[in-house]
Protein backbone atom coordinates (compact mmCIF):
# COMPACT_ATOMS: atom_id res chain seq x y z
CA GLY A 1 -2.25 -4.85 12.93
CA ASN A 2 -0.23 -1.74 13.50
CA VAL A 3 3.52 -1.41 13.27
CA ALA A 4 5.04 0.81 15.96
CA ILE A 5 7.55 3.48 14.95
CA GLU A 6 10.30 1.51 16.73
CA GLU A 7 9.36 -1.60 14.79
CA GLN A 8 9.45 0.32 11.50
CA ALA A 9 12.91 1.64 12.38
CA GLU A 10 14.10 -1.88 13.22
CA ILE A 11 12.81 -3.20 9.89
CA HIS A 12 14.74 -0.48 8.04
CA ALA A 13 17.88 -1.12 10.11
CA LEU A 14 17.60 -4.86 9.51
CA SER A 15 17.30 -4.34 5.77
CA ARG A 16 20.48 -2.21 5.80
CA ARG A 17 22.42 -4.76 7.94
CA SER A 18 21.26 -7.90 6.18
CA ARG A 19 23.91 -9.54 4.02
CA ALA A 20 21.13 -10.96 1.85
CA LEU A 21 19.57 -7.53 1.26
CA LYS A 22 22.71 -5.39 0.86
CA THR A 23 22.69 -5.82 -2.91
CA VAL A 24 19.02 -4.88 -3.20
CA THR A 25 18.30 -1.23 -4.03
CA PRO A 26 15.63 0.68 -2.07
CA ASN A 27 13.39 0.65 -5.17
CA GLU A 28 13.79 -3.12 -5.56
CA LEU A 29 13.05 -3.62 -1.86
CA ALA A 30 9.92 -1.45 -2.11
CA ALA A 31 8.77 -3.41 -5.17
CA ALA A 32 9.37 -6.72 -3.38
CA ASN A 33 7.46 -5.45 -0.35
CA ALA A 34 4.51 -4.42 -2.54
CA THR A 35 4.51 -7.86 -4.19
CA VAL A 36 4.61 -9.63 -0.84
CA ASN A 37 1.75 -7.52 0.52
CA GLN A 38 -0.34 -8.20 -2.59
CA ARG A 39 0.30 -11.93 -2.41
CA LEU A 40 -0.49 -12.09 1.29
CA LYS A 41 -3.83 -10.40 0.62
CA SER A 42 -4.72 -12.66 -2.31
CA ARG A 43 -3.48 -16.00 -0.97
CA PRO A 44 -5.10 -17.26 2.24
CA ASN A 45 -2.06 -19.41 3.08
CA GLY A 46 0.54 -17.02 1.66
CA LEU A 47 2.44 -16.53 4.91
CA GLN A 48 2.64 -20.26 5.53
CA GLU A 49 3.74 -20.90 1.94
CA ALA A 50 6.45 -18.24 2.24
CA CYS A 51 7.73 -19.68 5.53
CA GLU A 52 7.78 -23.21 4.18
CA SER A 53 9.66 -22.13 1.06
CA LEU A 54 12.66 -20.93 3.08
CA PRO A 55 15.72 -23.18 3.29
CA MET A 56 15.96 -24.93 6.65
CA ASP A 57 19.21 -23.18 7.60
CA MET A 58 17.55 -19.75 7.22
CA ARG A 59 14.47 -20.45 9.31
CA LEU A 60 15.80 -19.91 12.83
CA PRO A 61 17.65 -16.68 11.91
CA ILE A 62 14.52 -15.37 10.13
CA PHE A 63 12.47 -16.19 13.22
CA ALA A 64 15.01 -14.35 15.38
CA HIS A 65 14.67 -11.29 13.13
CA CYS A 66 10.87 -11.46 13.47
CA VAL A 67 11.15 -11.62 17.26
CA ASP A 68 13.68 -8.78 17.31
CA ILE A 69 11.44 -6.55 15.20
CA ILE A 70 8.33 -7.28 17.25
CA LEU A 71 10.12 -6.63 20.54
CA SER A 72 11.89 -3.47 19.35
CA ASP A 73 9.17 -1.28 20.88
CA GLY A 74 9.70 -2.97 24.25
CA ALA A 75 6.32 -4.71 24.33
CA LEU A 76 4.94 -8.10 23.40
CA LEU A 77 1.23 -7.81 22.83
CA PRO A 78 -0.93 -10.95 22.85
CA VAL A 79 -1.59 -10.58 19.10
CA GLU A 80 2.18 -10.36 18.52
CA ALA A 81 2.81 -13.47 20.65
CA ASP A 82 0.16 -15.31 18.62
CA PHE A 83 1.84 -14.19 15.39
CA LEU A 84 5.25 -15.40 16.60
CA ASN A 85 3.79 -18.76 17.59
CA LYS A 86 2.18 -19.07 14.15
CA ILE A 87 5.45 -18.14 12.39
CA MET A 88 7.36 -20.60 14.57
CA ALA A 89 4.99 -23.40 13.55
CA PHE A 90 5.09 -22.43 9.85
CA LEU A 91 8.89 -22.40 9.94
CA GLY A 92 8.96 -25.80 11.67
CA ILE A 93 11.01 -24.47 14.58
CA ASP A 94 11.23 -26.62 17.68
CA PRO A 95 9.23 -24.82 20.42
CA ALA A 96 12.17 -25.08 22.86
CA GLU A 97 14.45 -23.35 20.33
CA GLY A 98 11.82 -20.72 19.62
CA LYS A 99 11.38 -20.07 23.34
CA ARG A 100 15.15 -19.71 23.73
CA VAL A 101 15.27 -17.15 20.89
CA MET A 102 12.39 -15.21 22.45
CA GLU A 103 14.05 -15.18 25.87
CA VAL A 104 17.33 -13.86 24.44
CA MET A 105 15.54 -11.19 22.41
CA LEU A 106 13.49 -10.15 25.46
CA VAL A 107 16.74 -9.56 27.35
CA LYS A 108 18.27 -7.75 24.35
CA ASN A 109 15.31 -5.40 23.96
CA GLN A 110 14.84 -4.61 27.66
CA PHE A 111 16.91 -1.43 27.52
């Protein structure tokens, strides 16, 4: 759907804070983003494939980032909740752990 201005700002902030992305130049990040968008459009299961390709130890932190970005505008729309549930399943995250992450991020993004 649509990405709120606050969510866009959080994505940019996350990319600047991320240890994994610090060595990536803005041009490289833009190129990677374009590739991801193209693949997601051309592959019906692209999001699931991407989630399943992540190492197990990265999955919960990636999910937490997704929740943080989605909640950065202070709202959790039904379509966003559905997306988070889908991502949680694709990442193989235990629902209790996913719920715990969501609860913490809801508190974090209240103010």
